[in-house]
Amino acid sequence: MLVKDDQVVGEGWHRRAGEPHAERNALAQAGERARGATAYITLEPCCHQGRTPPCSDALIEAGVSRVVAAMRDPNPLVAGKGLAQLEAAGIATEYGLMQAQAEALNPGFTKRMAEGRPYIRCKLAMSLDGRTAMASGESQWITSEAARLDVQRLRARSSAILTGIGTLLADDPSMNVRLSAEELGLEADLQPPTPVRVVLDPALKTPPTAKMLKLPGPTLLLSSDDEPLHAAALDAAGAQVISLAANGCNLNLDEVLTVLAEQELNEVLLESGATLAGALLEKQLIDELVIYMAPHIMGDSARGLFHLPLLKQMSQRIGLQISDLRKVGPDLRITAHPVYS
C-alpha cells in the first residue's frame, strides 16, 4: 500500500507466481503519485532477479520516500539486502511493524526459508467421539456440506495436497479445488488454484487409471520403487515419479519434505489416513491441525485420528494450542498447533 498526504494512492498484491509482486502492482496503480509516498509492505522488497525484476529497484525508480516492512525477507538472497539497497538510495526504512501478523499470512514461505521444508497443515474430519471412519473404512460423509466447502478453501490456499497410497487405493480421490474463482473471492480473470497433488507411494502401486491423473494440474508420486515399465506408464498418464531412497517399507519423511521444499511448495495440506498422519505427528512434522468435528457418535470400533503405537503413557501426550474455534454449518472447526516437547 502506498500512502501520500494521508491518502492511499496505490494498492497491490502478488496474484500468482511469475506475475509482478505487490510493490510493482501498487506502484502501477499510483503512477506519479508514488513520488514522495510511504510504502507499507508485509515483506521486505526483493532485491534480486527471480521470475520478476527486483522490487527494490522499482521503489527507488518511483521515488518513494519511506518504506515500512512488516518483516525482513527470510530468503537468503534478500535477508536485509533489499532494505539496505533502499537506504543507500536515500529512502528511509523500518521493519517489524505487525511482524507476527505478517508471518501468519505466509507461514509456508517462512518455514521453507528458515527450515528447508514446507509448512504442513493436517486436515481431519471426525465424529464427536474422535472417529474418522467406520471399522469397514466407510467414511462418506462424516461432516456436513458446509464443512466440505470450507475444506475446498483450505485446498485453494495450499501449494500442494499430500496423501498416502493407502488413501489413493481406497478412495481414488481427486484432490483438486472444486470452487470457482467467484466462490473463492478471487478476481474474475484469475483461475481457481490447482495445488500440486503429492502421493507417497513407496512400492509404486498407483494405477495409471487413477482419477487424479485425468485432472488438470501436476501429480507427483514419491517412490522408492524403480520398476521402469510401471513408471513409464504413469508418466504417460500424466504423473511425475520422483525416486527416493528406501526406508524399509516406507519413505523417509524428512527427505520427503526436503523434496517438496525443492519443488518450491510452501504450504502443504495433508489429507490422509491415520497411519501417515500419525507418522508425521510422531516425527513432529505437522505444524497445524484443522479438525472438523461433527455432532454424532460413531462408536469405539471405528477408526481413530492418528496411528501412534509408541504413545503409551500420559507423559507422552502431545499437547495442542488451540488458536481458533468456530462453527461451520452444524460442525465445529478446531484449528490447533501441536506443542512438541
Protein backbone atom coordinates (compact mmCIF):
# COMPACT_ATOMS: atom_id res chain seq x y z
CA MET A 1 0.00 0.00 0.00
CA LEU A 2 1.27 3.48 -0.93
CA VAL A 3 0.24 6.45 1.21
CA LYS A 4 0.81 10.14 0.46
CA ASP A 5 -0.62 13.12 2.33
CA ASP A 6 -2.69 10.71 4.46
CA GLN A 7 -4.33 9.28 1.34
CA VAL A 8 -3.95 5.78 -0.12
CA VAL A 9 -2.65 6.34 -3.63
CA GLY A 10 -1.89 2.74 -4.62
CA GLU A 11 -2.58 -0.82 -3.51
CA GLY A 12 -1.38 -4.15 -4.83
CA TRP A 13 -0.93 -7.81 -4.07
CA HIS A 14 1.05 -10.66 -5.59
CA ARG A 15 -1.57 -12.51 -7.61
CA ARG A 16 0.44 -15.56 -8.62
CA ALA A 17 3.99 -16.80 -9.25
CA GLY A 18 5.62 -15.24 -12.28
CA GLU A 19 3.49 -12.08 -12.17
CA PRO A 20 4.57 -8.72 -10.66
CA HIS A 21 4.94 -8.58 -6.89
CA ALA A 22 2.69 -6.45 -4.69
CA GLU A 23 5.01 -3.43 -4.78
CA ARG A 24 5.03 -3.19 -8.57
CA ASN A 25 1.23 -3.53 -8.76
CA ALA A 26 0.77 -0.77 -6.19
CA LEU A 27 3.27 1.48 -7.99
CA ALA A 28 1.48 0.92 -11.29
CA GLN A 29 -1.80 1.99 -9.71
CA ALA A 30 -0.25 5.06 -8.08
CA GLY A 31 1.68 6.30 -11.12
CA GLU A 32 3.31 9.68 -10.48
CA ARG A 33 1.59 9.92 -7.09
CA ALA A 34 4.11 7.35 -5.79
CA ARG A 35 6.85 10.01 -5.70
CA GLY A 36 7.36 11.05 -2.08
CA ALA A 37 4.92 8.42 -0.79
CA THR A 38 5.38 5.90 2.03
CA ALA A 39 5.15 2.23 1.06
CA TYR A 40 3.70 -0.16 3.67
CA ILE A 41 4.52 -3.77 2.76
CA THR A 42 4.25 -7.12 4.51
CA LEU A 43 7.65 -8.40 3.36
CA GLU A 44 10.97 -6.72 2.69
CA PRO A 45 11.19 -5.93 -1.04
CA CYS A 46 13.18 -8.41 -3.09
CA CYS A 47 16.48 -7.17 -4.50
CA HIS A 48 17.38 -10.00 -6.89
CA GLN A 49 16.25 -11.10 -10.32
CA GLY A 50 13.94 -14.08 -10.00
CA ARG A 51 10.86 -14.72 -12.11
CA THR A 52 10.29 -10.95 -11.87
CA PRO A 53 12.66 -7.96 -11.61
CA PRO A 54 13.72 -6.63 -8.17
CA CYS A 55 11.06 -4.63 -6.33
CA SER A 56 13.74 -2.57 -4.60
CA ASP A 57 14.72 -1.11 -7.99
CA ALA A 58 11.09 -0.25 -8.74
CA LEU A 59 10.64 1.58 -5.42
CA ILE A 60 13.82 3.59 -5.98
CA GLU A 61 12.87 4.48 -9.56
CA ALA A 62 9.37 5.55 -8.44
CA GLY A 63 10.87 7.98 -5.92
CA VAL A 64 9.15 6.77 -2.75
CA SER A 65 10.49 8.48 0.34
CA ARG A 66 9.92 5.80 3.00
CA VAL A 67 9.36 2.04 3.18
CA VAL A 68 7.84 0.29 6.20
CA ALA A 69 8.10 -3.51 6.00
CA ALA A 70 6.37 -5.77 8.50
CA MET A 71 9.20 -8.33 8.33
CA ARG A 72 12.57 -8.91 6.79
CA ASP A 73 12.66 -11.45 3.97
CA PRO A 74 14.00 -14.81 5.30
CA ASN A 75 15.16 -15.71 1.78
CA PRO A 76 18.99 -15.78 1.95
CA LEU A 77 19.06 -13.97 -1.41
CA VAL A 78 17.44 -10.97 0.31
CA ALA A 79 17.78 -11.16 4.12
CA GLY A 80 18.16 -7.42 4.74
CA LYS A 81 19.81 -6.59 1.42
CA GLY A 82 16.61 -5.11 -0.01
CA LEU A 83 16.26 -2.63 2.86
CA ALA A 84 19.97 -1.84 2.69
CA GLN A 85 19.68 -1.01 -1.01
CA LEU A 86 16.78 1.35 -0.30
CA GLU A 87 18.72 3.08 2.48
CA ALA A 88 21.74 3.50 0.18
CA ALA A 89 19.40 5.27 -2.25
CA GLY A 90 18.29 7.71 0.47
CA ILE A 91 14.96 6.06 1.29
CA ALA A 92 14.05 5.81 4.99
CA THR A 93 13.25 2.24 6.04
CA GLU A 94 11.72 0.50 9.02
CA TYR A 95 10.66 -3.09 9.69
CA GLY A 96 8.97 -5.04 12.49
CA LEU A 97 5.55 -3.35 12.46
CA MET A 98 2.91 -6.11 12.87
CA GLN A 99 5.54 -8.76 12.15
CA ALA A 100 3.61 -11.63 13.79
CA GLN A 101 0.55 -10.89 11.66
CA ALA A 102 2.68 -10.76 8.51
CA GLU A 103 4.31 -14.09 9.32
CA ALA A 104 0.86 -15.63 9.87
CA LEU A 105 -0.15 -14.57 6.35
CA ASN A 106 2.54 -16.69 4.73
CA PRO A 107 3.77 -19.37 7.16
CA GLY A 108 4.89 -21.72 4.39
CA PHE A 109 7.38 -19.35 2.80
CA THR A 110 8.88 -18.52 6.19
CA LYS A 111 9.09 -22.21 7.15
CA ARG A 112 10.70 -23.20 3.85
CA MET A 113 13.29 -20.45 4.02
CA ALA A 114 14.10 -20.97 7.69
CA GLU A 115 14.00 -24.78 7.91
CA GLY A 116 14.16 -26.06 4.34
CA ARG A 117 10.75 -27.71 4.45
CA PRO A 118 7.14 -26.66 3.81
CA TYR A 119 4.51 -25.83 6.40
CA ILE A 120 2.35 -28.91 6.98
CA ARG A 121 -1.32 -28.32 7.72
CA CYS A 122 -3.23 -31.52 8.54
CA LYS A 123 -6.97 -31.60 7.78
CA LEU A 124 -9.10 -34.17 9.59
CA ALA A 125 -12.81 -34.88 9.91
CA MET A 126 -14.11 -36.71 12.95
CA SER A 127 -17.18 -37.53 14.97
CA LEU A 128 -17.71 -36.16 18.45
CA ASP A 129 -16.03 -39.30 19.81
CA GLY A 130 -12.93 -38.76 17.66
CA ARG A 131 -13.59 -41.29 14.89
CA THR A 132 -12.69 -40.78 11.23
CA ALA A 133 -14.25 -43.86 9.61
CA MET A 134 -16.18 -46.98 10.48
CA ALA A 135 -14.20 -50.17 11.04
CA SER A 136 -15.03 -51.13 7.43
CA GLY A 137 -13.41 -47.94 6.16
CA GLU A 138 -16.72 -46.25 5.32
CA SER A 139 -16.33 -42.51 5.88
CA GLN A 140 -18.62 -40.60 3.49
CA TRP A 141 -19.77 -38.33 4.85
CA ILE A 142 -18.76 -37.57 8.44
CA THR A 143 -19.14 -33.82 8.19
CA SER A 144 -21.65 -31.52 6.52
CA GLU A 145 -21.64 -29.95 3.08
CA ALA A 146 -20.67 -26.62 4.72
CA ALA A 147 -17.55 -28.20 6.23
CA ARG A 148 -16.61 -29.83 2.94
CA LEU A 149 -16.88 -26.48 1.16
CA ASP A 150 -14.64 -24.97 3.83
CA VAL A 151 -12.06 -27.66 3.05
CA GLN A 152 -12.09 -26.50 -0.56
CA ARG A 153 -10.89 -23.09 0.63
CA LEU A 154 -8.08 -24.79 2.57
CA ARG A 155 -7.10 -26.60 -0.60
CA ALA A 156 -7.19 -23.37 -2.60
CA ARG A 157 -4.66 -21.67 -0.30
CA SER A 158 -2.30 -24.66 -0.39
CA SER A 159 0.68 -25.19 -2.68
CA ALA A 160 0.12 -28.95 -2.58
CA ILE A 161 -2.21 -31.62 -1.23
CA LEU A 162 -0.45 -34.66 0.25
CA THR A 163 -1.78 -38.16 0.80
CA GLY A 164 -0.58 -41.75 1.02
CA ILE A 165 -1.03 -44.66 -1.34
CA GLY A 166 -3.50 -46.31 1.06
CA THR A 167 -5.91 -43.40 0.72
CA LEU A 168 -5.47 -43.31 -3.05
CA LEU A 169 -6.22 -47.01 -3.47
CA ALA A 170 -9.17 -46.94 -1.05
CA ASP A 171 -10.87 -43.72 -2.20
CA ASP A 172 -9.45 -42.82 -5.64
CA PRO A 173 -9.59 -39.13 -4.62
CA SER A 174 -9.48 -36.13 -6.96
CA MET A 175 -7.53 -33.86 -4.57
CA ASN A 176 -8.48 -30.73 -6.50
CA VAL A 177 -10.25 -27.41 -5.89
CA ARG A 178 -13.92 -27.57 -6.83
CA LEU A 179 -14.88 -23.94 -6.17
CA SER A 180 -14.97 -21.26 -8.85
CA ALA A 181 -12.89 -18.08 -8.73
CA GLU A 182 -16.03 -16.17 -7.74
CA GLU A 183 -16.80 -18.58 -4.89
CA LEU A 184 -13.22 -18.17 -3.67
CA GLY A 185 -13.48 -14.37 -3.76
CA LEU A 186 -10.84 -14.06 -6.49
CA GLU A 187 -10.74 -11.50 -9.26
CA ALA A 188 -12.72 -12.50 -12.34
CA ASP A 189 -9.66 -13.02 -14.57
CA LEU A 190 -8.00 -15.45 -12.16
CA GLN A 191 -8.48 -19.18 -12.48
CA PRO A 192 -9.08 -21.28 -9.32
CA PRO A 193 -5.76 -22.57 -7.94
CA THR A 194 -4.57 -26.06 -8.90
CA PRO A 195 -2.46 -27.34 -6.00
CA VAL A 196 0.14 -29.97 -6.79
CA ARG A 197 -1.11 -33.44 -5.85
CA VAL A 198 1.52 -35.46 -3.98
CA VAL A 199 1.21 -39.17 -3.22
CA LEU A 200 3.65 -41.10 -1.04
CA ASP A 201 3.80 -44.40 -2.90
CA PRO A 202 6.88 -46.41 -1.82
CA ALA A 203 6.13 -49.50 -3.93
CA LEU A 204 4.66 -47.50 -6.84
CA LYS A 205 1.18 -49.03 -6.66
CA THR A 206 -0.65 -46.05 -8.18
CA PRO A 207 -2.70 -47.26 -11.15
CA PRO A 208 -2.36 -45.24 -14.38
CA THR A 209 -6.16 -45.05 -14.36
CA ALA A 210 -6.26 -43.05 -11.07
CA LYS A 211 -8.84 -40.27 -11.21
CA MET A 212 -6.39 -37.52 -10.21
CA LEU A 213 -4.20 -38.24 -13.26
CA LYS A 214 -7.04 -37.23 -15.56
CA LEU A 215 -7.47 -33.82 -13.91
CA PRO A 216 -5.68 -30.52 -14.65
CA GLY A 217 -2.55 -29.81 -12.64
CA PRO A 218 0.56 -31.79 -11.77
CA THR A 219 0.71 -35.01 -9.73
CA LEU A 220 3.93 -36.08 -8.00
CA LEU A 221 4.42 -39.70 -6.98
CA LEU A 222 7.21 -40.15 -4.46
CA SER A 223 8.50 -43.72 -4.56
CA SER A 224 11.46 -45.95 -3.74
CA ASP A 225 10.46 -48.46 -6.43
CA ASP A 226 12.47 -48.32 -9.65
CA GLU A 227 10.30 -50.55 -11.85
CA PRO A 228 10.76 -48.69 -15.18
CA LEU A 229 7.76 -50.04 -17.11
CA HIS A 230 5.21 -49.01 -14.48
CA ALA A 231 6.94 -45.66 -14.02
CA ALA A 232 6.78 -45.11 -17.79
CA ALA A 233 3.06 -45.92 -17.83
CA LEU A 234 2.43 -43.47 -15.01
CA ASP A 235 4.49 -40.83 -16.78
CA ALA A 236 2.40 -41.34 -19.91
CA ALA A 237 -0.74 -40.95 -17.77
CA GLY A 238 0.45 -37.55 -16.55
CA ALA A 239 2.28 -38.29 -13.29
CA GLN A 240 5.80 -37.29 -12.37
CA VAL A 241 7.58 -40.07 -10.49
CA ILE A 242 10.33 -38.94 -8.11
CA SER A 243 12.62 -41.65 -6.76
CA LEU A 244 13.72 -41.54 -3.14
CA ALA A 245 15.90 -43.83 -1.09
CA ALA A 246 14.12 -46.75 0.56
CA ASN A 247 13.49 -46.62 4.31
CA GLY A 248 12.29 -50.14 4.96
CA CYS A 249 8.77 -50.37 3.53
CA ASN A 250 8.23 -46.63 3.84
CA LEU A 251 9.79 -43.37 2.75
CA ASN A 252 11.97 -41.12 4.88
CA LEU A 253 9.56 -38.34 5.80
CA ASP A 254 12.31 -35.76 6.35
CA GLU A 255 13.57 -36.48 2.83
CA VAL A 256 10.02 -36.23 1.50
CA LEU A 257 9.62 -32.72 2.93
CA THR A 258 13.04 -31.70 1.61
CA VAL A 259 11.97 -32.77 -1.88
CA LEU A 260 8.73 -30.80 -1.57
CA ALA A 261 10.69 -27.72 -0.50
CA GLU A 262 12.94 -28.16 -3.54
CA GLN A 263 9.76 -28.03 -5.63
CA GLU A 264 9.13 -24.58 -4.03
CA LEU A 265 5.98 -25.81 -2.29
CA ASN A 266 5.28 -23.60 0.73
CA GLU A 267 2.03 -24.80 2.33
CA VAL A 268 1.12 -28.48 2.12
CA LEU A 269 -2.33 -29.73 3.09
CA LEU A 270 -2.22 -33.26 4.45
CA GLU A 271 -5.36 -35.26 3.67
CA SER A 272 -4.56 -38.82 4.63
CA GLY A 273 -5.43 -41.73 6.85
CA ALA A 274 -4.36 -42.32 10.43
CA THR A 275 -1.07 -44.04 9.52
CA LEU A 276 0.57 -41.23 7.55
CA ALA A 277 -0.92 -38.53 9.80
CA GLY A 278 0.37 -40.36 12.86
CA ALA A 279 3.84 -40.84 11.37
CA LEU A 280 4.19 -37.14 10.58
CA LEU A 281 2.88 -36.13 14.00
CA GLU A 282 5.21 -38.59 15.74
CA LYS A 283 8.18 -37.05 13.91
CA GLN A 284 6.97 -33.55 14.90
CA LEU A 285 6.50 -32.54 11.27
CA ILE A 286 2.88 -31.34 11.47
CA ASP A 287 2.67 -27.60 12.10
CA GLU A 288 -1.09 -27.11 12.24
CA LEU A 289 -4.22 -29.21 12.67
CA VAL A 290 -7.59 -28.25 11.22
CA ILE A 291 -10.16 -30.65 12.65
CA TYR A 292 -13.82 -30.66 11.63
CA MET A 293 -15.89 -32.25 14.39
CA ALA A 294 -19.38 -33.49 13.50
CA PRO A 295 -22.14 -33.79 16.13
CA HIS A 296 -22.57 -37.56 16.11
CA ILE A 297 -21.17 -40.74 17.68
CA MET A 298 -19.53 -43.50 15.61
CA GLY A 299 -18.60 -45.98 18.32
CA ASP A 300 -15.39 -47.44 19.76
CA SER A 301 -14.81 -49.91 16.89
CA ALA A 302 -14.50 -47.06 14.38
CA ARG A 303 -11.10 -45.74 13.31
CA GLY A 304 -9.25 -43.00 15.17
CA LEU A 305 -7.49 -39.84 14.06
CA PHE A 306 -3.86 -40.92 14.37
CA HIS A 307 -1.97 -44.20 14.44
CA LEU A 308 0.53 -43.60 17.25
CA PRO A 309 1.66 -47.01 18.52
CA LEU A 310 4.56 -45.59 20.54
CA LEU A 311 2.34 -43.27 22.56
CA LYS A 312 1.52 -45.40 25.62
CA GLN A 313 1.84 -43.17 28.68
CA MET A 314 0.22 -39.92 29.77
CA SER A 315 3.66 -38.33 29.88
CA GLN A 316 3.95 -38.90 26.12
CA ARG A 317 0.84 -36.89 25.27
CA ILE A 318 1.17 -34.33 22.51
CA GLY A 319 -0.19 -31.00 23.68
CA LEU A 320 -2.21 -28.74 21.42
CA GLN A 321 -2.56 -24.97 21.45
CA ILE A 322 -6.00 -24.12 20.08
CA SER A 323 -5.85 -20.89 18.08
CA ASP A 324 -9.36 -20.84 16.61
CA LEU A 325 -12.71 -22.48 17.30
CA ARG A 326 -15.76 -21.74 15.20
CA LYS A 327 -18.93 -23.30 13.86
CA VAL A 328 -19.12 -24.29 10.20
CA GLY A 329 -22.65 -25.35 9.42
CA PRO A 330 -23.60 -27.89 12.12
CA ASP A 331 -19.94 -28.83 12.69
CA LEU A 332 -17.14 -27.33 14.77
CA ARG A 333 -13.84 -26.38 13.17
CA ILE A 334 -10.88 -26.55 15.53
CA THR A 335 -7.55 -25.02 14.50
CA ALA A 336 -4.69 -26.08 16.73
CA HIS A 337 -0.90 -26.20 16.75
CA PRO A 338 0.99 -29.14 18.27
CA VAL A 339 3.21 -28.26 21.22
CA TYR A 340 6.16 -30.60 20.83
CA SER A 341 8.49 -31.37 23.70
